[in-house]
């Protein structure tokens, strides 16, 4: 079924559900360039948040003893995915409620900020050498 047929079918019903479906479809179509820009900013900011904490695990410290590449192959994709999905979800939810573009952008930035704060409080990869190393003899 083409998009036009679906809209004619929904409008032929003439009830509240049809109106809600049409409004939701219009909100999804209106995401456009600002929504894409917010997802790109979210992914870039996620990498910027991830890099300072992950460098020790990638470098491995003294003789690469503490190298943990799981930080790059597991944590990074999940953090970037969250950085893309959280602002996009908040943007779409705000647009569906009828918010203006600027209000939706502020809501998306606020949601991303809360998600990034929660991530930085929870995610702590190895930062120092193994606990067995002391100040020396």
Foldseek 3Di string as FASTA:
>chain_A
DDPVVVLVVLVVVVDPVSVLVVLLVVLVVPCPPVLVVQLVVLLVVLCVLLPVQCPCQCCCPDVNVNHDCCSVVPVSVVSSVCSRPQLNVQLSVCSSVPDDNVVSNVSSVVRSVVVSVVCVVPDHDDDDPDPVDDPDD
